[in-house]
């Protein structure tokens, strides 16, 4: 059995962040939690995730900019980024796409089903 997929969950709402983490852990994913962009970037540098679930409405640096910053970190060019947000509409979907976000989902969602669609974790493949 391989190493579990590492998922970075970034949300400024404590309850939402913990709920996602609990659901993911129950399904065998390894999770890292962050409440803002700065802590998310620090975690991603120290322990690069396989996927990231980002709230768009983060304080300071929003989820769109965080996605851009994650994409340029060494080893994270192939990071799967899922935006989970209350922001809907064409403009928000366009902003998500321009930021390099793979999926733009409106709350409420079934995040575990989405992660199950991802390919298995590759072993140390170069970017």
N, C-alpha and C. Protein backbone atom coordinates (compact mmCIF):
# COMPACT_ATOMS: atom_id res chain seq x y z
N UNK A 1 0.84 -1.17 0.00
CA UNK A 1 0.00 0.00 0.00
C UNK A 1 0.89 1.23 0.00
N UNK A 2 0.57 2.21 -0.86
CA UNK A 2 1.38 3.40 -1.00
C UNK A 2 1.09 4.43 0.07
N UNK A 3 1.85 5.48 -0.01
CA UNK A 3 1.69 6.61 0.90
C UNK A 3 0.35 7.31 0.60
N UNK A 4 -0.37 7.78 1.63
CA UNK A 4 -1.65 8.45 1.36
C UNK A 4 -1.45 9.79 0.66
N UNK A 5 -2.44 10.17 -0.13
CA UNK A 5 -2.42 11.48 -0.79
C UNK A 5 -2.44 12.56 0.28
N UNK A 6 -1.56 13.56 0.10
CA UNK A 6 -1.49 14.68 1.02
C UNK A 6 -2.36 15.82 0.49
N UNK A 7 -3.28 16.29 1.34
CA UNK A 7 -4.20 17.35 0.95
C UNK A 7 -4.05 18.52 1.90
N UNK A 8 -3.80 19.68 1.34
CA UNK A 8 -3.71 20.93 2.09
C UNK A 8 -5.10 21.58 2.07
N UNK A 9 -5.67 21.82 3.25
CA UNK A 9 -6.99 22.44 3.37
C UNK A 9 -6.78 23.85 3.92
N UNK A 10 -7.23 24.85 3.14
CA UNK A 10 -7.03 26.24 3.54
C UNK A 10 -8.39 26.93 3.61
N UNK A 11 -8.78 27.32 4.81
CA UNK A 11 -10.04 28.02 5.01
C UNK A 11 -9.91 28.82 6.30
N UNK A 12 -10.39 30.06 6.29
CA UNK A 12 -10.28 30.88 7.49
C UNK A 12 -11.38 30.56 8.50
N UNK A 13 -12.36 29.77 8.11
CA UNK A 13 -13.40 29.34 9.04
C UNK A 13 -12.95 28.05 9.71
N UNK A 14 -12.75 28.10 11.02
CA UNK A 14 -12.23 26.94 11.76
C UNK A 14 -13.11 25.71 11.59
N UNK A 15 -14.42 25.88 11.69
CA UNK A 15 -15.32 24.73 11.59
C UNK A 15 -15.28 24.09 10.21
N UNK A 16 -15.26 24.90 9.18
CA UNK A 16 -15.22 24.37 7.81
C UNK A 16 -13.91 23.63 7.57
N UNK A 17 -12.82 24.24 7.99
CA UNK A 17 -11.49 23.63 7.81
C UNK A 17 -11.42 22.29 8.53
N UNK A 18 -11.88 22.22 9.76
CA UNK A 18 -11.85 20.99 10.54
C UNK A 18 -12.79 19.93 9.97
N UNK A 19 -13.93 20.36 9.48
CA UNK A 19 -14.87 19.41 8.89
C UNK A 19 -14.27 18.75 7.66
N UNK A 20 -13.69 19.55 6.75
CA UNK A 20 -13.04 18.97 5.58
C UNK A 20 -11.93 18.01 6.00
N UNK A 21 -11.12 18.42 6.96
CA UNK A 21 -10.01 17.57 7.40
C UNK A 21 -10.52 16.26 7.99
N UNK A 22 -11.55 16.32 8.82
CA UNK A 22 -12.10 15.11 9.42
C UNK A 22 -12.63 14.16 8.35
N UNK A 23 -13.35 14.70 7.38
CA UNK A 23 -13.88 13.86 6.29
C UNK A 23 -12.76 13.22 5.48
N UNK A 24 -11.74 13.99 5.19
CA UNK A 24 -10.63 13.47 4.40
C UNK A 24 -9.84 12.42 5.16
N UNK A 25 -9.57 12.68 6.41
CA UNK A 25 -8.83 11.70 7.23
C UNK A 25 -9.60 10.39 7.36
N UNK A 26 -10.92 10.49 7.49
CA UNK A 26 -11.75 9.29 7.59
C UNK A 26 -11.66 8.44 6.33
N UNK A 27 -11.31 9.07 5.21
CA UNK A 27 -11.16 8.36 3.94
C UNK A 27 -9.71 7.99 3.64
N UNK A 28 -8.81 8.24 4.59
CA UNK A 28 -7.43 7.81 4.42
C UNK A 28 -6.47 8.84 3.86
N UNK A 29 -6.92 10.07 3.68
CA UNK A 29 -6.03 11.12 3.19
C UNK A 29 -5.24 11.71 4.36
N UNK A 30 -4.02 12.13 4.07
CA UNK A 30 -3.22 12.86 5.06
C UNK A 30 -3.51 14.34 4.84
N UNK A 31 -3.80 15.06 5.90
CA UNK A 31 -4.19 16.46 5.75
C UNK A 31 -3.24 17.39 6.48
N UNK A 32 -3.12 18.57 5.91
CA UNK A 32 -2.44 19.70 6.55
C UNK A 32 -3.45 20.84 6.52
N UNK A 33 -3.49 21.64 7.58
CA UNK A 33 -4.50 22.69 7.68
C UNK A 33 -3.86 24.06 7.80
N UNK A 34 -4.46 25.02 7.12
CA UNK A 34 -3.99 26.40 7.20
C UNK A 34 -5.20 27.33 7.22
N UNK A 35 -5.05 28.46 7.90
CA UNK A 35 -6.15 29.42 8.01
C UNK A 35 -5.96 30.65 7.12
N UNK A 36 -4.78 30.77 6.51
CA UNK A 36 -4.53 31.90 5.62
C UNK A 36 -3.44 31.54 4.61
N UNK A 37 -3.20 32.45 3.67
CA UNK A 37 -2.24 32.17 2.60
C UNK A 37 -0.82 31.99 3.12
N UNK A 38 -0.40 32.81 4.06
CA UNK A 38 0.97 32.72 4.57
C UNK A 38 1.24 31.35 5.19
N UNK A 39 0.33 30.87 6.04
CA UNK A 39 0.56 29.57 6.66
C UNK A 39 0.43 28.45 5.62
N UNK A 40 -0.43 28.60 4.63
CA UNK A 40 -0.55 27.59 3.57
C UNK A 40 0.74 27.48 2.77
N UNK A 41 1.33 28.61 2.44
CA UNK A 41 2.59 28.59 1.68
C UNK A 41 3.72 27.96 2.49
N UNK A 42 3.78 28.28 3.77
CA UNK A 42 4.82 27.69 4.63
C UNK A 42 4.67 26.17 4.68
N UNK A 43 3.46 25.69 4.81
CA UNK A 43 3.22 24.25 4.84
C UNK A 43 3.59 23.63 3.50
N UNK A 44 3.17 24.26 2.41
CA UNK A 44 3.42 23.71 1.07
C UNK A 44 4.92 23.63 0.76
N UNK A 45 5.68 24.56 1.26
CA UNK A 45 7.13 24.54 1.06
C UNK A 45 7.76 23.42 1.88
N UNK A 46 7.32 23.28 3.13
CA UNK A 46 7.91 22.27 4.02
C UNK A 46 7.49 20.85 3.65
N UNK A 47 6.22 20.68 3.27
CA UNK A 47 5.66 19.35 2.97
C UNK A 47 4.73 19.49 1.77
N UNK A 48 5.27 19.44 0.55
CA UNK A 48 4.45 19.68 -0.63
C UNK A 48 3.24 18.73 -0.70
N UNK A 49 2.05 19.32 -0.87
CA UNK A 49 0.84 18.49 -0.96
C UNK A 49 0.63 17.96 -2.38
N UNK A 50 -0.25 16.98 -2.48
CA UNK A 50 -0.67 16.45 -3.79
C UNK A 50 -1.88 17.21 -4.31
N UNK A 51 -2.68 17.73 -3.40
CA UNK A 51 -3.87 18.49 -3.75
C UNK A 51 -4.08 19.57 -2.70
N UNK A 52 -4.77 20.63 -3.10
CA UNK A 52 -5.09 21.71 -2.17
C UNK A 52 -6.55 22.09 -2.35
N UNK A 53 -7.22 22.28 -1.23
CA UNK A 53 -8.60 22.74 -1.21
C UNK A 53 -8.56 24.14 -0.63
N UNK A 54 -8.90 25.13 -1.44
CA UNK A 54 -8.77 26.52 -1.03
C UNK A 54 -10.11 27.22 -0.96
N UNK A 55 -10.32 27.95 0.12
CA UNK A 55 -11.42 28.90 0.19
C UNK A 55 -10.97 30.12 -0.60
N UNK A 56 -11.85 30.74 -1.33
CA UNK A 56 -11.49 31.94 -2.08
C UNK A 56 -11.48 33.17 -1.18
N UNK A 57 -12.41 33.25 -0.26
CA UNK A 57 -12.54 34.43 0.59
C UNK A 57 -11.63 34.43 1.79
N UNK A 58 -10.34 34.24 1.58
CA UNK A 58 -9.38 34.27 2.68
C UNK A 58 -9.05 35.72 3.04
N UNK A 59 -8.68 35.97 4.29
CA UNK A 59 -8.27 37.33 4.67
C UNK A 59 -6.91 37.67 4.04
N UNK A 60 -6.73 38.91 3.67
CA UNK A 60 -5.46 39.33 3.07
C UNK A 60 -5.34 38.82 1.65
N UNK A 61 -4.50 37.85 1.44
CA UNK A 61 -4.31 37.24 0.12
C UNK A 61 -5.45 36.27 -0.13
N UNK A 62 -6.23 36.49 -1.19
CA UNK A 62 -7.37 35.61 -1.45
C UNK A 62 -6.94 34.28 -2.07
N UNK A 63 -7.88 33.38 -2.22
CA UNK A 63 -7.59 32.05 -2.74
C UNK A 63 -7.07 32.05 -4.17
N UNK A 64 -7.49 33.03 -4.98
CA UNK A 64 -6.98 33.10 -6.35
C UNK A 64 -5.48 33.38 -6.36
N UNK A 65 -5.07 34.36 -5.57
CA UNK A 65 -3.65 34.68 -5.51
C UNK A 65 -2.86 33.56 -4.84
N UNK A 66 -3.42 32.94 -3.83
CA UNK A 66 -2.75 31.80 -3.20
C UNK A 66 -2.51 30.70 -4.23
N UNK A 67 -3.49 30.42 -5.07
CA UNK A 67 -3.32 29.39 -6.11
C UNK A 67 -2.15 29.75 -7.02
N UNK A 68 -2.07 31.01 -7.43
CA UNK A 68 -0.95 31.44 -8.28
C UNK A 68 0.39 31.22 -7.59
N UNK A 69 0.45 31.57 -6.30
CA UNK A 69 1.70 31.43 -5.56
C UNK A 69 2.07 29.96 -5.34
N UNK A 70 1.09 29.12 -5.12
CA UNK A 70 1.36 27.69 -4.97
C UNK A 70 1.90 27.09 -6.26
N UNK A 71 1.35 27.49 -7.38
CA UNK A 71 1.74 26.94 -8.68
C UNK A 71 3.22 27.16 -9.01
N UNK A 72 3.81 28.23 -8.50
CA UNK A 72 5.21 28.53 -8.85
C UNK A 72 6.21 27.95 -7.86
N UNK A 73 5.73 27.31 -6.79
CA UNK A 73 6.65 26.69 -5.85
C UNK A 73 7.30 25.45 -6.48
N UNK A 74 8.57 25.21 -6.17
CA UNK A 74 9.23 24.02 -6.72
C UNK A 74 8.47 22.74 -6.38
N UNK A 75 8.25 21.92 -7.40
CA UNK A 75 7.58 20.64 -7.22
C UNK A 75 6.07 20.70 -7.21
N UNK A 76 5.48 21.89 -7.35
CA UNK A 76 4.02 21.99 -7.27
C UNK A 76 3.35 22.38 -8.59
N UNK A 77 4.05 22.29 -9.68
CA UNK A 77 3.45 22.64 -10.98
C UNK A 77 2.25 21.76 -11.29
N UNK A 78 2.26 20.52 -10.82
CA UNK A 78 1.16 19.58 -11.09
C UNK A 78 0.15 19.49 -9.94
N UNK A 79 0.29 20.34 -8.95
CA UNK A 79 -0.63 20.35 -7.82
C UNK A 79 -2.07 20.48 -8.30
N UNK A 80 -2.96 19.65 -7.78
CA UNK A 80 -4.38 19.76 -8.10
C UNK A 80 -4.99 20.73 -7.11
N UNK A 81 -5.59 21.81 -7.63
CA UNK A 81 -6.16 22.85 -6.77
C UNK A 81 -7.67 22.90 -6.99
N UNK A 82 -8.39 22.80 -5.88
CA UNK A 82 -9.84 22.83 -5.89
C UNK A 82 -10.27 24.04 -5.05
N UNK A 83 -11.01 24.95 -5.67
CA UNK A 83 -11.57 26.08 -4.94
C UNK A 83 -12.95 25.68 -4.43
N UNK A 84 -13.18 25.90 -3.16
CA UNK A 84 -14.48 25.65 -2.54
C UNK A 84 -14.93 26.99 -1.98
N UNK A 85 -16.00 27.52 -2.53
CA UNK A 85 -16.35 28.89 -2.23
C UNK A 85 -17.84 29.16 -2.33
N UNK A 86 -18.25 30.25 -1.79
CA UNK A 86 -19.62 30.71 -1.96
C UNK A 86 -19.73 31.67 -3.14
N UNK A 87 -18.58 31.99 -3.77
CA UNK A 87 -18.56 32.91 -4.91
C UNK A 87 -18.92 32.16 -6.19
N UNK A 88 -20.06 32.52 -6.78
CA UNK A 88 -20.47 31.86 -8.01
C UNK A 88 -20.51 32.86 -9.16
N UNK A 89 -20.80 32.37 -10.34
CA UNK A 89 -20.93 33.24 -11.51
C UNK A 89 -19.74 33.12 -12.43
N UNK A 90 -19.97 33.59 -13.65
CA UNK A 90 -18.95 33.48 -14.70
C UNK A 90 -17.66 34.20 -14.35
N UNK A 91 -17.75 35.37 -13.75
CA UNK A 91 -16.54 36.14 -13.42
C UNK A 91 -15.67 35.37 -12.43
N UNK A 92 -16.29 34.74 -11.46
CA UNK A 92 -15.52 33.98 -10.46
C UNK A 92 -14.91 32.73 -11.08
N UNK A 93 -15.66 32.05 -11.94
CA UNK A 93 -15.11 30.86 -12.62
C UNK A 93 -13.94 31.26 -13.52
N UNK A 94 -14.06 32.38 -14.18
CA UNK A 94 -12.97 32.87 -15.04
C UNK A 94 -11.75 33.21 -14.18
N UNK A 95 -11.96 33.89 -13.07
CA UNK A 95 -10.84 34.22 -12.17
C UNK A 95 -10.16 32.96 -11.66
N UNK A 96 -10.94 31.94 -11.35
CA UNK A 96 -10.38 30.68 -10.87
C UNK A 96 -9.53 30.04 -11.95
N UNK A 97 -10.03 30.01 -13.16
CA UNK A 97 -9.28 29.42 -14.27
C UNK A 97 -7.98 30.18 -14.52
N UNK A 98 -8.05 31.49 -14.52
CA UNK A 98 -6.87 32.32 -14.74
C UNK A 98 -5.83 32.14 -13.63
N UNK A 99 -6.27 31.79 -12.43
CA UNK A 99 -5.36 31.59 -11.30
C UNK A 99 -4.75 30.19 -11.30
N UNK A 100 -5.19 29.32 -12.22
CA UNK A 100 -4.65 27.97 -12.26
C UNK A 100 -5.40 26.99 -11.39
N UNK A 101 -6.61 27.31 -11.02
CA UNK A 101 -7.43 26.43 -10.20
C UNK A 101 -8.08 25.40 -11.11
N UNK A 102 -7.97 24.13 -10.73
CA UNK A 102 -8.49 23.04 -11.55
C UNK A 102 -10.00 22.91 -11.49
N UNK A 103 -10.57 23.10 -10.31
CA UNK A 103 -12.03 22.99 -10.14
C UNK A 103 -12.50 24.13 -9.27
N UNK A 104 -13.60 24.77 -9.68
CA UNK A 104 -14.22 25.86 -8.92
C UNK A 104 -15.59 25.38 -8.48
N UNK A 105 -15.73 25.10 -7.19
CA UNK A 105 -16.96 24.50 -6.67
C UNK A 105 -17.67 25.44 -5.72
N UNK A 106 -18.98 25.46 -5.84
CA UNK A 106 -19.81 26.29 -4.98
C UNK A 106 -20.29 25.45 -3.80
N UNK A 107 -20.16 25.99 -2.60
CA UNK A 107 -20.60 25.28 -1.40
C UNK A 107 -22.11 25.11 -1.45
N UNK A 108 -22.64 24.00 -0.98
CA UNK A 108 -22.00 22.82 -0.41
C UNK A 108 -21.54 21.86 -1.51
N UNK A 109 -20.52 21.07 -1.22
CA UNK A 109 -19.94 20.16 -2.21
C UNK A 109 -19.62 18.81 -1.57
N UNK A 110 -19.25 17.84 -2.43
CA UNK A 110 -18.82 16.51 -1.96
C UNK A 110 -17.32 16.37 -2.31
N UNK A 111 -16.46 16.93 -1.47
CA UNK A 111 -15.04 17.01 -1.76
C UNK A 111 -14.37 15.64 -1.85
N UNK A 112 -14.78 14.68 -1.06
CA UNK A 112 -14.15 13.36 -1.09
C UNK A 112 -14.36 12.71 -2.45
N UNK A 113 -15.56 12.87 -3.03
CA UNK A 113 -15.81 12.32 -4.36
C UNK A 113 -14.88 12.93 -5.40
N UNK A 114 -14.61 14.22 -5.27
CA UNK A 114 -13.73 14.89 -6.22
C UNK A 114 -12.29 14.40 -6.10
N UNK A 115 -11.82 14.21 -4.89
CA UNK A 115 -10.45 13.73 -4.70
C UNK A 115 -10.31 12.30 -5.20
N UNK A 116 -11.37 11.51 -5.11
CA UNK A 116 -11.32 10.14 -5.60
C UNK A 116 -11.11 10.09 -7.11
N UNK A 117 -11.44 11.17 -7.82
CA UNK A 117 -11.24 11.24 -9.26
C UNK A 117 -9.77 11.45 -9.64
N UNK A 118 -8.95 11.90 -8.70
CA UNK A 118 -7.55 12.19 -8.99
C UNK A 118 -6.77 10.90 -9.20
N UNK A 119 -5.73 10.95 -10.04
CA UNK A 119 -4.91 9.76 -10.23
C UNK A 119 -4.14 9.44 -8.95
N UNK A 120 -3.70 8.17 -8.79
CA UNK A 120 -2.92 7.80 -7.60
C UNK A 120 -1.65 8.64 -7.53
N UNK A 121 -1.16 8.76 -6.34
CA UNK A 121 0.05 9.55 -6.11
C UNK A 121 1.25 8.91 -6.79
N UNK A 122 1.95 9.69 -7.60
CA UNK A 122 3.16 9.21 -8.27
C UNK A 122 4.32 9.29 -7.31
N UNK A 123 5.29 8.41 -7.48
CA UNK A 123 6.44 8.43 -6.58
C UNK A 123 7.51 9.35 -7.11
N UNK A 124 7.67 10.49 -6.45
CA UNK A 124 8.73 11.46 -6.70
C UNK A 124 8.99 11.72 -8.18
N UNK A 125 7.95 11.97 -8.94
CA UNK A 125 8.14 12.30 -10.36
C UNK A 125 8.60 13.74 -10.48
N UNK A 126 9.61 14.01 -11.32
CA UNK A 126 10.07 15.39 -11.48
C UNK A 126 9.05 16.23 -12.24
N UNK A 127 9.08 17.54 -12.01
CA UNK A 127 8.17 18.47 -12.72
C UNK A 127 8.56 18.60 -14.16
